[in-house]
Amino acid sequence: IDWHNIHKFHGKVIVIADEGRAFIELEDVDKEVIVNCDTYVTYN
């Protein structure tokens, strides 16, 4: 995990996936909702 990169963020939701190879900042998500989820889905 690149903690130096994470330290730059404040009040964000960050997903670290695939043993640290993927780093995603989630925008426009409600922390109250996401903290109670077991799965998050994105689609394009």
PDB file of all heavy atoms in Angstrom:
ATOM      1  N   ILE A   1       0.850  -1.190   0.000  1.00  0.00           N
ATOM      2  CA  ILE A   1       0.000   0.000   0.000  1.00  0.00           C
ATOM      3  C   ILE A   1       0.886   1.240   0.000  1.00  0.00           C
ATOM      4  O   ILE A   1       1.811   1.344   0.805  1.00  0.00           O
ATOM      5  CB  ILE A   1      -0.940   0.019   1.224  1.00  0.00           C
ATOM      6  CG1 ILE A   1      -1.880  -1.182   1.176  1.00  0.00           C
ATOM      7  CG2 ILE A   1      -1.723   1.317   1.277  1.00  0.00           C
ATOM      8  CD1 ILE A   1      -2.745  -1.332   2.406  1.00  0.00           C
ATOM      9  N   ASP A   2       0.615   2.166  -0.900  1.00  0.00           N
ATOM     10  CA  ASP A   2       1.364   3.415  -0.994  1.00  0.00           C
ATOM     11  C   ASP A   2       0.755   4.432  -0.026  1.00  0.00           C
ATOM     12  O   ASP A   2      -0.116   5.214  -0.387  1.00  0.00           O
ATOM     13  CB  ASP A   2       1.334   3.929  -2.428  1.00  0.00           C
ATOM     14  CG  ASP A   2       2.185   5.171  -2.617  1.00  0.00           C
ATOM     15  OD1 ASP A   2       2.727   5.693  -1.620  1.00  0.00           O
ATOM     16  OD2 ASP A   2       2.304   5.622  -3.768  1.00  0.00           O
ATOM     17  N   TRP A   3       1.223   4.437   1.224  1.00  0.00           N
ATOM     18  CA  TRP A   3       0.673   5.318   2.250  1.00  0.00           C
ATOM     19  C   TRP A   3       1.001   6.779   1.970  1.00  0.00           C
ATOM     20  O   TRP A   3       0.264   7.671   2.378  1.00  0.00           O
ATOM     21  CB  TRP A   3       1.164   4.896   3.627  1.00  0.00           C
ATOM     22  CG  TRP A   3       0.575   3.581   4.032  1.00  0.00           C
ATOM     23  CD1 TRP A   3       1.189   2.367   4.038  1.00  0.00           C
ATOM     24  CD2 TRP A   3      -0.778   3.340   4.448  1.00  0.00           C
ATOM     25  NE1 TRP A   3       0.315   1.391   4.430  1.00  0.00           N
ATOM     26  CE2 TRP A   3      -0.900   1.963   4.698  1.00  0.00           C
ATOM     27  CE3 TRP A   3      -1.887   4.153   4.636  1.00  0.00           C
ATOM     28  CZ2 TRP A   3      -2.086   1.378   5.125  1.00  0.00           C
ATOM     29  CZ3 TRP A   3      -3.075   3.570   5.069  1.00  0.00           C
ATOM     30  CH2 TRP A   3      -3.162   2.208   5.311  1.00  0.00           C
ATOM     31  N   HIS A   4       2.079   7.053   1.263  1.00  0.00           N
ATOM     32  CA  HIS A   4       2.408   8.440   0.898  1.00  0.00           C
ATOM     33  C   HIS A   4       1.337   9.014  -0.028  1.00  0.00           C
ATOM     34  O   HIS A   4       0.984  10.192   0.075  1.00  0.00           O
ATOM     35  CB  HIS A   4       3.786   8.518   0.229  1.00  0.00           C
ATOM     36  CG  HIS A   4       4.909   8.190   1.156  1.00  0.00           C
ATOM     37  ND1 HIS A   4       5.329   9.050   2.140  1.00  0.00           N
ATOM     38  CD2 HIS A   4       5.689   7.097   1.257  1.00  0.00           C
ATOM     39  CE1 HIS A   4       6.319   8.500   2.810  1.00  0.00           C
ATOM     40  NE2 HIS A   4       6.559   7.313   2.306  1.00  0.00           N
ATOM     41  N   ASN A   5       0.824   8.201  -0.914  1.00  0.00           N
ATOM     42  CA  ASN A   5      -0.244   8.630  -1.821  1.00  0.00           C
ATOM     43  C   ASN A   5      -1.551   8.836  -1.058  1.00  0.00           C
ATOM     44  O   ASN A   5      -2.246   9.835  -1.255  1.00  0.00           O
ATOM     45  CB  ASN A   5      -0.415   7.615  -2.949  1.00  0.00           C
ATOM     46  CG  ASN A   5      -1.278   8.146  -4.072  1.00  0.00           C
ATOM     47  OD1 ASN A   5      -1.427   9.352  -4.251  1.00  0.00           O
ATOM     48  ND2 ASN A   5      -1.847   7.249  -4.834  1.00  0.00           N
ATOM     49  N   ILE A   6      -1.879   7.937  -0.171  1.00  0.00           N
ATOM     50  CA  ILE A   6      -3.117   8.044   0.606  1.00  0.00           C
ATOM     51  C   ILE A   6      -3.081   9.276   1.510  1.00  0.00           C
ATOM     52  O   ILE A   6      -4.092   9.950   1.688  1.00  0.00           O
ATOM     53  CB  ILE A   6      -3.342   6.763   1.442  1.00  0.00           C
ATOM     54  CG1 ILE A   6      -3.661   5.593   0.505  1.00  0.00           C
ATOM     55  CG2 ILE A   6      -4.469   6.948   2.454  1.00  0.00           C
ATOM     56  CD1 ILE A   6      -3.718   4.259   1.186  1.00  0.00           C
ATOM     57  N   HIS A   7      -1.909   9.592   2.046  1.00  0.00           N
ATOM     58  CA  HIS A   7      -1.766  10.730   2.961  1.00  0.00           C
ATOM     59  C   HIS A   7      -2.156  12.060   2.303  1.00  0.00           C
ATOM     60  O   HIS A   7      -2.533  13.013   2.983  1.00  0.00           O
ATOM     61  CB  HIS A   7      -0.334  10.795   3.487  1.00  0.00           C
ATOM     62  CG  HIS A   7      -0.112  11.864   4.500  1.00  0.00           C
ATOM     63  ND1 HIS A   7      -0.628  11.781   5.775  1.00  0.00           N
ATOM     64  CD2 HIS A   7       0.541  13.041   4.427  1.00  0.00           C
ATOM     65  CE1 HIS A   7      -0.294  12.873   6.443  1.00  0.00           C
ATOM     66  NE2 HIS A   7       0.418  13.659   5.651  1.00  0.00           N
ATOM     67  N   LYS A   8      -2.117  12.136   0.977  1.00  0.00           N
ATOM     68  CA  LYS A   8      -2.478  13.358   0.240  1.00  0.00           C
ATOM     69  C   LYS A   8      -3.979  13.633   0.279  1.00  0.00           C
ATOM     70  O   LYS A   8      -4.406  14.749   0.021  1.00  0.00           O
ATOM     71  CB  LYS A   8      -2.039  13.250  -1.220  1.00  0.00           C
ATOM     72  CG  LYS A   8      -0.556  13.104  -1.402  1.00  0.00           C
ATOM     73  CD  LYS A   8      -0.240  12.870  -2.871  1.00  0.00           C
ATOM     74  CE  LYS A   8       1.205  12.475  -3.062  1.00  0.00           C
ATOM     75  NZ  LYS A   8       1.488  12.135  -4.463  1.00  0.00           N
ATOM     76  N   PHE A   9      -4.785  12.614   0.565  1.00  0.00           N
ATOM     77  CA  PHE A   9      -6.234  12.733   0.530  1.00  0.00           C
ATOM     78  C   PHE A   9      -6.791  13.070   1.911  1.00  0.00           C
ATOM     79  O   PHE A   9      -6.214  12.689   2.928  1.00  0.00           O
ATOM     80  CB  PHE A   9      -6.872  11.432   0.030  1.00  0.00           C
ATOM     81  CG  PHE A   9      -6.537  11.117  -1.400  1.00  0.00           C
ATOM     82  CD1 PHE A   9      -5.462  10.307  -1.722  1.00  0.00           C
ATOM     83  CD2 PHE A   9      -7.308  11.641  -2.427  1.00  0.00           C
ATOM     84  CE1 PHE A   9      -5.153  10.013  -3.042  1.00  0.00           C
ATOM     85  CE2 PHE A   9      -7.007  11.353  -3.740  1.00  0.00           C
ATOM     86  CZ  PHE A   9      -5.924  10.541  -4.044  1.00  0.00           C
ATOM     87  N   HIS A  10      -7.921  13.757   1.919  1.00  0.00           N
ATOM     88  CA  HIS A  10      -8.602  14.119   3.165  1.00  0.00           C
ATOM     89  C   HIS A  10     -10.100  13.900   2.994  1.00  0.00           C
ATOM     90  O   HIS A  10     -10.710  14.470   2.094  1.00  0.00           O
ATOM     91  CB  HIS A  10      -8.332  15.589   3.529  1.00  0.00           C
ATOM     92  CG  HIS A  10      -6.888  15.860   3.788  1.00  0.00           C
ATOM     93  ND1 HIS A  10      -6.312  15.655   5.019  1.00  0.00           N
ATOM     94  CD2 HIS A  10      -5.896  16.287   2.973  1.00  0.00           C
ATOM     95  CE1 HIS A  10      -5.027  15.956   4.952  1.00  0.00           C
ATOM     96  NE2 HIS A  10      -4.749  16.350   3.721  1.00  0.00           N
ATOM     97  N   GLY A  11     -10.684  13.053   3.832  1.00  0.00           N
ATOM     98  CA  GLY A  11     -12.125  12.826   3.815  1.00  0.00           C
ATOM     99  C   GLY A  11     -12.641  12.085   2.599  1.00  0.00           C
ATOM    100  O   GLY A  11     -13.801  12.220   2.235  1.00  0.00           O
ATOM    101  N   LYS A  12     -11.817  11.272   1.978  1.00  0.00           N
ATOM    102  CA  LYS A  12     -12.192  10.558   0.756  1.00  0.00           C
ATOM    103  C   LYS A  12     -12.496   9.094   1.045  1.00  0.00           C
ATOM    104  O   LYS A  12     -12.173   8.571   2.108  1.00  0.00           O
ATOM    105  CB  LYS A  12     -11.071  10.642  -0.288  1.00  0.00           C
ATOM    106  CG  LYS A  12     -10.692  12.047  -0.684  1.00  0.00           C
ATOM    107  CD  LYS A  12     -11.825  12.723  -1.410  1.00  0.00           C
ATOM    108  CE  LYS A  12     -11.402  14.111  -1.876  1.00  0.00           C
ATOM    109  NZ  LYS A  12     -12.426  14.779  -2.627  1.00  0.00           N
ATOM    110  N   VAL A  13     -13.105   8.448   0.059  1.00  0.00           N
ATOM    111  CA  VAL A  13     -13.291   6.999   0.092  1.00  0.00           C
ATOM    112  C   VAL A  13     -12.321   6.416  -0.931  1.00  0.00           C
ATOM    113  O   VAL A  13     -12.366   6.765  -2.111  1.00  0.00           O
ATOM    114  CB  VAL A  13     -14.740   6.596  -0.246  1.00  0.00           C
ATOM    115  CG1 VAL A  13     -14.878   5.076  -0.260  1.00  0.00           C
ATOM    116  CG2 VAL A  13     -15.710   7.219   0.747  1.00  0.00           C
ATOM    117  N   ILE A  14     -11.446   5.553  -0.462  1.00  0.00           N
ATOM    118  CA  ILE A  14     -10.400   4.990  -1.301  1.00  0.00           C
ATOM    119  C   ILE A  14     -10.509   3.469  -1.271  1.00  0.00           C
ATOM    120  O   ILE A  14     -10.598   2.867  -0.203  1.00  0.00           O
ATOM    121  CB  ILE A  14      -9.009   5.421  -0.789  1.00  0.00           C
ATOM    122  CG1 ILE A  14      -8.892   6.949  -0.831  1.00  0.00           C
ATOM    123  CG2 ILE A  14      -7.903   4.751  -1.591  1.00  0.00           C
ATOM    124  CD1 ILE A  14      -7.710   7.493  -0.075  1.00  0.00           C
ATOM    125  N   VAL A  15     -10.486   2.868  -2.456  1.00  0.00           N
ATOM    126  CA  VAL A  15     -10.487   1.409  -2.571  1.00  0.00           C
ATOM    127  C   VAL A  15      -9.093   0.975  -3.007  1.00  0.00           C
ATOM    128  O   VAL A  15      -8.548   1.494  -3.979  1.00  0.00           O
ATOM    129  CB  VAL A  15     -11.526   0.919  -3.602  1.00  0.00           C
ATOM    130  CG1 VAL A  15     -11.457  -0.594  -3.749  1.00  0.00           C
ATOM    131  CG2 VAL A  15     -12.922   1.356  -3.212  1.00  0.00           C
ATOM    132  N   ILE A  16      -8.535   0.057  -2.254  1.00  0.00           N
ATOM    133  CA  ILE A  16      -7.268  -0.558  -2.626  1.00  0.00           C
ATOM    134  C   ILE A  16      -7.585  -2.017  -2.927  1.00  0.00           C
ATOM    135  O   ILE A  16      -8.060  -2.749  -2.063  1.00  0.00           O
ATOM    136  CB  ILE A  16      -6.228  -0.433  -1.505  1.00  0.00           C
ATOM    137  CG1 ILE A  16      -5.981   1.050  -1.220  1.00  0.00           C
ATOM    138  CG2 ILE A  16      -4.948  -1.158  -1.890  1.00  0.00           C
ATOM    139  CD1 ILE A  16      -5.130   1.308  -0.018  1.00  0.00           C
ATOM    140  N   ALA A  17      -7.344  -2.398  -4.169  1.00  0.00           N
ATOM    141  CA  ALA A  17      -7.747  -3.743  -4.601  1.00  0.00           C
ATOM    142  C   ALA A  17      -6.559  -4.497  -5.181  1.00  0.00           C
ATOM    143  O   ALA A  17      -5.523  -3.912  -5.516  1.00  0.00           O
ATOM    144  CB  ALA A  17      -8.861  -3.641  -5.640  1.00  0.00           C
ATOM    145  N   ASP A  18      -6.750  -5.773  -5.315  1.00  0.00           N
ATOM    146  CA  ASP A  18      -5.779  -6.651  -5.971  1.00  0.00           C
ATOM    147  C   ASP A  18      -4.388  -6.541  -5.366  1.00  0.00           C
ATOM    148  O   ASP A  18      -3.412  -6.264  -6.048  1.00  0.00           O
ATOM    149  CB  ASP A  18      -5.751  -6.388  -7.478  1.00  0.00           C
ATOM    150  CG  ASP A  18      -7.116  -6.582  -8.111  1.00  0.00           C
ATOM    151  OD1 ASP A  18      -7.856  -7.465  -7.648  1.00  0.00           O
ATOM    152  OD2 ASP A  18      -7.453  -5.834  -9.049  1.00  0.00           O
ATOM    153  N   GLU A  19      -4.332  -6.730  -4.044  1.00  0.00           N
ATOM    154  CA  GLU A  19      -3.064  -6.731  -3.304  1.00  0.00           C
ATOM    155  C   GLU A  19      -2.294  -5.422  -3.456  1.00  0.00           C
ATOM    156  O   GLU A  19      -1.077  -5.403  -3.456  1.00  0.00           O
ATOM    157  CB  GLU A  19      -2.198  -7.914  -3.749  1.00  0.00           C
ATOM    158  CG  GLU A  19      -2.822  -9.265  -3.498  1.00  0.00           C
ATOM    159  CD  GLU A  19      -3.075  -9.538  -2.023  1.00  0.00           C
ATOM    160  OE1 GLU A  19      -2.216  -9.193  -1.202  1.00  0.00           O
ATOM    161  OE2 GLU A  19      -4.127 -10.106  -1.701  1.00  0.00           O
ATOM    162  N   GLY A  20      -3.014  -4.315  -3.604  1.00  0.00           N
ATOM    163  CA  GLY A  20      -2.387  -3.001  -3.679  1.00  0.00           C
ATOM    164  C   GLY A  20      -2.069  -2.535  -5.086  1.00  0.00           C
ATOM    165  O   GLY A  20      -1.592  -1.428  -5.286  1.00  0.00           O
ATOM    166  N   ARG A  21      -2.351  -3.357  -6.097  1.00  0.00           N
ATOM    167  CA  ARG A  21      -2.048  -2.966  -7.482  1.00  0.00           C
ATOM    168  C   ARG A  21      -3.067  -1.989  -8.048  1.00  0.00           C
ATOM    169  O   ARG A  21      -2.785  -1.295  -9.011  1.00  0.00           O
ATOM    170  CB  ARG A  21      -1.955  -4.213  -8.367  1.00  0.00           C
ATOM    171  CG  ARG A  21      -0.744  -5.078  -8.057  1.00  0.00           C
ATOM    172  CD  ARG A  21      -0.630  -6.252  -9.008  1.00  0.00           C
ATOM    173  NE  ARG A  21      -1.759  -7.162  -8.932  1.00  0.00           N
ATOM    174  CZ  ARG A  21      -1.871  -8.176  -8.090  1.00  0.00           C
ATOM    175  NH1 ARG A  21      -0.923  -8.417  -7.223  1.00  0.00           N
ATOM    176  NH2 ARG A  21      -2.928  -8.954  -8.102  1.00  0.00           N
ATOM    177  N   ALA A  22      -4.251  -1.927  -7.465  1.00  0.00           N
ATOM    178  CA  ALA A  22      -5.294  -1.003  -7.933  1.00  0.00           C
ATOM    179  C   ALA A  22      -5.629  -0.026  -6.814  1.00  0.00           C
ATOM    180  O   ALA A  22      -5.815  -0.411  -5.667  1.00  0.00           O
ATOM    181  CB  ALA A  22      -6.538  -1.779  -8.357  1.00  0.00           C
ATOM    182  N   PHE A  23      -5.699   1.253  -7.168  1.00  0.00           N
ATOM    183  CA  PHE A  23      -5.981   2.323  -6.222  1.00  0.00           C
ATOM    184  C   PHE A  23      -7.066   3.189  -6.850  1.00  0.00           C
ATOM    185  O   PHE A  23      -6.847   3.788  -7.902  1.00  0.00           O
ATOM    186  CB  PHE A  23      -4.705   3.143  -5.988  1.00  0.00           C
ATOM    187  CG  PHE A  23      -4.862   4.264  -5.009  1.00  0.00           C
ATOM    188  CD1 PHE A  23      -4.536   4.078  -3.681  1.00  0.00           C
ATOM    189  CD2 PHE A  23      -5.327   5.495  -5.412  1.00  0.00           C
ATOM    190  CE1 PHE A  23      -4.656   5.113  -2.770  1.00  0.00           C
ATOM    191  CE2 PHE A  23      -5.459   6.538  -4.514  1.00  0.00           C
ATOM    192  CZ  PHE A  23      -5.124   6.347  -3.196  1.00  0.00           C
ATOM    193  N   ILE A  24      -8.239   3.226  -6.237  1.00  0.00           N
ATOM    194  CA  ILE A  24      -9.376   3.950  -6.799  1.00  0.00           C
ATOM    195  C   ILE A  24      -9.935   4.899  -5.758  1.00  0.00           C
ATOM    196  O   ILE A  24     -10.207   4.491  -4.628  1.00  0.00           O
ATOM    197  CB  ILE A  24     -10.497   2.978  -7.254  1.00  0.00           C
ATOM    198  CG1 ILE A  24      -9.946   1.977  -8.273  1.00  0.00           C
ATOM    199  CG2 ILE A  24     -11.674   3.724  -7.833  1.00  0.00           C
ATOM    200  CD1 ILE A  24      -9.679   0.642  -7.693  1.00  0.00           C
ATOM    201  N   GLU A  25     -10.099   6.159  -6.132  1.00  0.00           N
ATOM    202  CA  GLU A  25     -10.791   7.123  -5.278  1.00  0.00           C
ATOM    203  C   GLU A  25     -12.236   7.166  -5.732  1.00  0.00           C
ATOM    204  O   GLU A  25     -12.518   7.458  -6.891  1.00  0.00           O
ATOM    205  CB  GLU A  25     -10.173   8.511  -5.393  1.00  0.00           C
ATOM    206  CG  GLU A  25     -10.911   9.543  -4.579  1.00  0.00           C
ATOM    207  CD  GLU A  25     -10.503  10.973  -4.892  1.00  0.00           C
ATOM    208  OE1 GLU A  25      -9.545  11.175  -5.650  1.00  0.00           O
ATOM    209  OE2 GLU A  25     -11.185  11.873  -4.384  1.00  0.00           O
ATOM    210  N   LEU A  26     -13.151   6.842  -4.838  1.00  0.00           N
ATOM    211  CA  LEU A  26     -14.574   6.873  -5.174  1.00  0.00           C
ATOM    212  C   LEU A  26     -15.105   8.281  -4.953  1.00  0.00           C
ATOM    213  O   LEU A  26     -14.872   8.879  -3.906  1.00  0.00           O
ATOM    214  CB  LEU A  26     -15.355   5.887  -4.316  1.00  0.00           C
ATOM    215  CG  LEU A  26     -14.932   4.417  -4.399  1.00  0.00           C
ATOM    216  CD1 LEU A  26     -15.825   3.568  -3.515  1.00  0.00           C
ATOM    217  CD2 LEU A  26     -14.969   3.924  -5.837  1.00  0.00           C
ATOM    218  N   GLU A  27     -15.795   8.797  -5.943  1.00  0.00           N
ATOM    219  CA  GLU A  27     -16.368  10.133  -5.834  1.00  0.00           C
ATOM    220  C   GLU A  27     -17.887  10.028  -5.779  1.00  0.00           C
ATOM    221  O   GLU A  27     -18.474   9.097  -6.311  1.00  0.00           O
ATOM    222  CB  GLU A  27     -15.928  10.984  -7.019  1.00  0.00           C
ATOM    223  CG  GLU A  27     -14.415  11.181  -7.044  1.00  0.00           C
ATOM    224  CD  GLU A  27     -13.977  12.198  -8.062  1.00  0.00           C
ATOM    225  OE1 GLU A  27     -14.798  13.051  -8.447  1.00  0.00           O
ATOM    226  OE2 GLU A  27     -12.818  12.130  -8.463  1.00  0.00           O
ATOM    227  N   ASP A  28     -18.480  10.986  -5.124  1.00  0.00           N
ATOM    228  CA  ASP A  28     -19.941  11.061  -5.022  1.00  0.00           C
ATOM    229  C   ASP A  28     -20.552   9.816  -4.403  1.00  0.00           C
ATOM    230  O   ASP A  28     -21.571   9.314  -4.871  1.00  0.00           O
ATOM    231  CB  ASP A  28     -20.571  11.343  -6.394  1.00  0.00           C
ATOM    232  CG  ASP A  28     -20.094  12.649  -6.983  1.00  0.00           C
ATOM    233  OD1 ASP A  28     -19.906  13.604  -6.209  1.00  0.00           O
ATOM    234  OD2 ASP A  28     -19.908  12.722  -8.211  1.00  0.00           O
ATOM    235  N   VAL A  29     -19.906   9.267  -3.375  1.00  0.00           N
ATOM    236  CA  VAL A  29     -20.482   8.148  -2.630  1.00  0.00           C
ATOM    237  C   VAL A  29     -20.712   8.596  -1.195  1.00  0.00           C
ATOM    238  O   VAL A  29     -19.978   9.425  -0.657  1.00  0.00           O
ATOM    239  CB  VAL A  29     -19.597   6.887  -2.661  1.00  0.00           C
ATOM    240  CG1 VAL A  29     -19.473   6.333  -4.054  1.00  0.00           C
ATOM    241  CG2 VAL A  29     -18.239   7.147  -2.069  1.00  0.00           C
ATOM    242  N   ASP A  30     -21.718   8.053  -0.601  1.00  0.00           N
ATOM    243  CA  ASP A  30     -22.071   8.352   0.781  1.00  0.00           C
ATOM    244  C   ASP A  30     -21.300   7.397   1.699  1.00  0.00           C
ATOM    245  O   ASP A  30     -21.492   6.183   1.639  1.00  0.00           O
ATOM    246  CB  ASP A  30     -23.577   8.185   0.957  1.00  0.00           C
ATOM    247  CG  ASP A  30     -24.075   8.592   2.329  1.00  0.00           C
ATOM    248  OD1 ASP A  30     -23.268   8.667   3.277  1.00  0.00           O
ATOM    249  OD2 ASP A  30     -25.287   8.842   2.446  1.00  0.00           O
ATOM    250  N   LYS A  31     -20.424   7.932   2.531  1.00  0.00           N
ATOM    251  CA  LYS A  31     -19.626   7.097   3.427  1.00  0.00           C
ATOM    252  C   LYS A  31     -20.496   6.252   4.342  1.00  0.00           C
ATOM    253  O   LYS A  31     -20.166   5.118   4.657  1.00  0.00           O
ATOM    254  CB  LYS A  31     -18.702   7.964   4.282  1.00  0.00           C
ATOM    255  CG  LYS A  31     -17.475   8.439   3.594  1.00  0.00           C
ATOM    256  CD  LYS A  31     -16.585   9.136   4.610  1.00  0.00           C
ATOM    257  CE  LYS A  31     -15.408   9.773   3.945  1.00  0.00           C
ATOM    258  NZ  LYS A  31     -14.565  10.477   4.907  1.00  0.00           N
ATOM    259  N   GLU A  32     -21.611   6.824   4.787  1.00  0.00           N
ATOM    260  CA  GLU A  32     -22.520   6.091   5.690  1.00  0.00           C
ATOM    261  C   GLU A  32     -23.066   4.837   5.014  1.00  0.00           C
ATOM    262  O   GLU A  32     -23.255   3.808   5.655  1.00  0.00           O
ATOM    263  CB  GLU A  32     -23.682   6.995   6.101  1.00  0.00           C
ATOM    264  CG  GLU A  32     -23.260   8.266   6.792  1.00  0.00           C
ATOM    265  CD  GLU A  32     -23.115   8.085   8.287  1.00  0.00           C
ATOM    266  OE1 GLU A  32     -23.835   7.248   8.847  1.00  0.00           O
ATOM    267  OE2 GLU A  32     -22.280   8.781   8.875  1.00  0.00           O
ATOM    268  N   VAL A  33     -23.316   4.918   3.714  1.00  0.00           N
ATOM    269  CA  VAL A  33     -23.847   3.772   2.974  1.00  0.00           C
ATOM    270  C   VAL A  33     -22.732   2.778   2.677  1.00  0.00           C
ATOM    271  O   VAL A  33     -22.870   1.579   2.901  1.00  0.00           O
ATOM    272  CB  VAL A  33     -24.540   4.231   1.665  1.00  0.00           C
ATOM    273  CG1 VAL A  33     -24.910   3.044   0.792  1.00  0.00           C
ATOM    274  CG2 VAL A  33     -25.761   5.072   1.978  1.00  0.00           C
ATOM    275  N   ILE A  34     -21.619   3.278   2.178  1.00  0.00           N
ATOM    276  CA  ILE A  34     -20.549   2.382   1.733  1.00  0.00           C
ATOM    277  C   ILE A  34     -19.908   1.621   2.887  1.00  0.00           C
ATOM    278  O   ILE A  34     -19.475   0.496   2.721  1.00  0.00           O
ATOM    279  CB  ILE A  34     -19.495   3.145   0.901  1.00  0.00           C
ATOM    280  CG1 ILE A  34     -18.686   2.195   0.037  1.00  0.00           C
ATOM    281  CG2 ILE A  34     -18.546   3.915   1.737  1.00  0.00           C
ATOM    282  CD1 ILE A  34     -19.045   2.191  -1.374  1.00  0.00           C
ATOM    283  N   VAL A  35     -19.872   2.206   4.079  1.00  0.00           N
ATOM    284  CA  VAL A  35     -19.257   1.519   5.208  1.00  0.00           C
ATOM    285  C   VAL A  35     -20.076   0.288   5.615  1.00  0.00           C
ATOM    286  O   VAL A  35     -19.539  -0.637   6.232  1.00  0.00           O
ATOM    287  CB  VAL A  35     -19.047   2.490   6.397  1.00  0.00           C
ATOM    288  CG1 VAL A  35     -20.329   2.746   7.152  1.00  0.00           C
ATOM    289  CG2 VAL A  35     -17.952   1.987   7.316  1.00  0.00           C
ATOM    290  N   ASN A  36     -21.330   0.234   5.229  1.00  0.00           N
ATOM    291  CA  ASN A  36     -22.182  -0.913   5.554  1.00  0.00           C
ATOM    292  C   ASN A  36     -22.302  -1.915   4.414  1.00  0.00           C
ATOM    293  O   ASN A  36     -23.077  -2.856   4.511  1.00  0.00           O
ATOM    294  CB  ASN A  36     -23.577  -0.419   5.958  1.00  0.00           C
ATOM    295  CG  ASN A  36     -23.530   0.323   7.276  1.00  0.00           C
ATOM    296  OD1 ASN A  36     -23.009  -0.173   8.262  1.00  0.00           O
ATOM    297  ND2 ASN A  36     -24.054   1.538   7.287  1.00  0.00           N
ATOM    298  N   CYS A  37     -21.544  -1.710   3.347  1.00  0.00           N
ATOM    299  CA  CYS A  37     -21.603  -2.613   2.188  1.00  0.00           C
ATOM    300  C   CYS A  37     -20.479  -3.638   2.238  1.00  0.00           C
ATOM    301  O   CYS A  37     -19.401  -3.362   2.736  1.00  0.00           O
ATOM    302  CB  CYS A  37     -21.467  -1.817   0.894  1.00  0.00           C
ATOM    303  SG  CYS A  37     -22.854  -0.749   0.553  1.00  0.00           S
ATOM    304  N   ASP A  38     -20.760  -4.792   1.671  1.00  0.00           N
ATOM    305  CA  ASP A  38     -19.734  -5.817   1.502  1.00  0.00           C
ATOM    306  C   ASP A  38     -19.216  -5.868   0.074  1.00  0.00           C
ATOM    307  O   ASP A  38     -18.151  -6.401  -0.188  1.00  0.00           O
ATOM    308  CB  ASP A  38     -20.285  -7.192   1.881  1.00  0.00           C
ATOM    309  CG  ASP A  38     -20.616  -7.280   3.355  1.00  0.00           C
ATOM    310  OD1 ASP A  38     -19.899  -6.664   4.167  1.00  0.00           O
ATOM    311  OD2 ASP A  38     -21.599  -7.961   3.700  1.00  0.00           O
ATOM    312  N   THR A  39     -20.008  -5.322  -0.864  1.00  0.00           N
ATOM    313  CA  THR A  39     -19.639  -5.314  -2.278  1.00  0.00           C
ATOM    314  C   THR A  39     -20.000  -3.965  -2.871  1.00  0.00           C
ATOM    315  O   THR A  39     -21.078  -3.431  -2.609  1.00  0.00           O
ATOM    316  CB  THR A  39     -20.391  -6.420  -3.056  1.00  0.00           C
ATOM    317  OG1 THR A  39     -20.143  -7.680  -2.429  1.00  0.00           O
ATOM    318  CG2 THR A  39     -19.940  -6.488  -4.502  1.00  0.00           C
ATOM    319  N   TYR A  40     -19.079  -3.416  -3.659  1.00  0.00           N
ATOM    320  CA  TYR A  40     -19.321  -2.156  -4.365  1.00  0.00           C
ATOM    321  C   TYR A  40     -19.181  -2.441  -5.851  1.00  0.00           C
ATOM    322  O   TYR A  40     -18.237  -3.110  -6.278  1.00  0.00           O
ATOM    323  CB  TYR A  40     -18.305  -1.097  -3.928  1.00  0.00           C
ATOM    324  CG  TYR A  40     -18.490   0.227  -4.622  1.00  0.00           C
ATOM    325  CD1 TYR A  40     -19.521   1.083  -4.265  1.00  0.00           C
ATOM    326  CD2 TYR A  40     -17.636   0.623  -5.632  1.00  0.00           C
ATOM    327  CE1 TYR A  40     -19.704   2.298  -4.905  1.00  0.00           C
ATOM    328  CE2 TYR A  40     -17.804   1.841  -6.274  1.00  0.00           C
ATOM    329  CZ  TYR A  40     -18.833   2.668  -5.901  1.00  0.00           C
ATOM    330  OH  TYR A  40     -19.008   3.866  -6.544  1.00  0.00           O
ATOM    331  N   VAL A  41     -20.117  -1.947  -6.651  1.00  0.00           N
ATOM    332  CA  VAL A  41     -20.141  -2.243  -8.080  1.00  0.00           C
ATOM    333  C   VAL A  41     -20.011  -0.948  -8.867  1.00  0.00           C
ATOM    334  O   VAL A  41     -20.680   0.042  -8.573  1.00  0.00           O
ATOM    335  CB  VAL A  41     -21.462  -2.951  -8.465  1.00  0.00           C
ATOM    336  CG1 VAL A  41     -21.538  -3.193  -9.963  1.00  0.00           C
ATOM    337  CG2 VAL A  41     -21.599  -4.261  -7.711  1.00  0.00           C
ATOM    338  N   THR A  42     -19.124  -0.961  -9.872  1.00  0.00           N
ATOM    339  CA  THR A  42     -19.040   0.140 -10.828  1.00  0.00           C
ATOM    340  C   THR A  42     -19.328  -0.435 -12.208  1.00  0.00           C
ATOM    341  O   THR A  42     -19.112  -1.624 -12.455  1.00  0.00           O
ATOM    342  CB  THR A  42     -17.657   0.805 -10.846  1.00  0.00           C
ATOM    343  OG1 THR A  42     -16.678  -0.137 -11.259  1.00  0.00           O
ATOM    344  CG2 THR A  42     -17.296   1.363  -9.487  1.00  0.00           C
ATOM    345  N   TYR A  43     -19.811   0.409 -13.089  1.00  0.00           N
ATOM    346  CA  TYR A  43     -20.044  -0.062 -14.454  1.00  0.00           C
ATOM    347  C   TYR A  43     -19.769   1.067 -15.427  1.00  0.00           C
ATOM    348  O   TYR A  43     -19.877   2.241 -15.113  1.00  0.00           O
ATOM    349  CB  TYR A  43     -21.462  -0.615 -14.636  1.00  0.00           C
ATOM    350  CG  TYR A  43     -22.553   0.308 -14.154  1.00  0.00           C
ATOM    351  CD1 TYR A  43     -23.103   1.262 -15.001  1.00  0.00           C
ATOM    352  CD2 TYR A  43     -23.026   0.225 -12.851  1.00  0.00           C
ATOM    353  CE1 TYR A  43     -24.103   2.109 -14.562  1.00  0.00           C
ATOM    354  CE2 TYR A  43     -24.022   1.067 -12.401  1.00  0.00           C
ATOM    355  CZ  TYR A  43     -24.562   2.000 -13.267  1.00  0.00           C
ATOM    356  OH  TYR A  43     -25.544   2.845 -12.825  1.00  0.00           O
ATOM    357  N   ASN A  44     -19.368   0.664 -16.622  1.00  0.00           N
ATOM    358  CA  ASN A  44     -19.061   1.602 -17.679  1.00  0.00           C
ATOM    359  C   ASN A  44     -19.721   1.088 -18.948  1.00  0.00           C
ATOM    360  O   ASN A  44     -19.326   0.053 -19.483  1.00  0.00           O
ATOM    361  CB  ASN A  44     -17.539   1.719 -17.867  1.00  0.00           C
ATOM    362  CG  ASN A  44     -17.170   2.788 -18.859  1.00  0.00           C
ATOM    363  OD1 ASN A  44     -17.999   3.611 -19.247  1.00  0.00           O
ATOM    364  ND2 ASN A  44     -15.926   2.788 -19.276  1.00  0.00           N
TER     365      ASN A  44
END
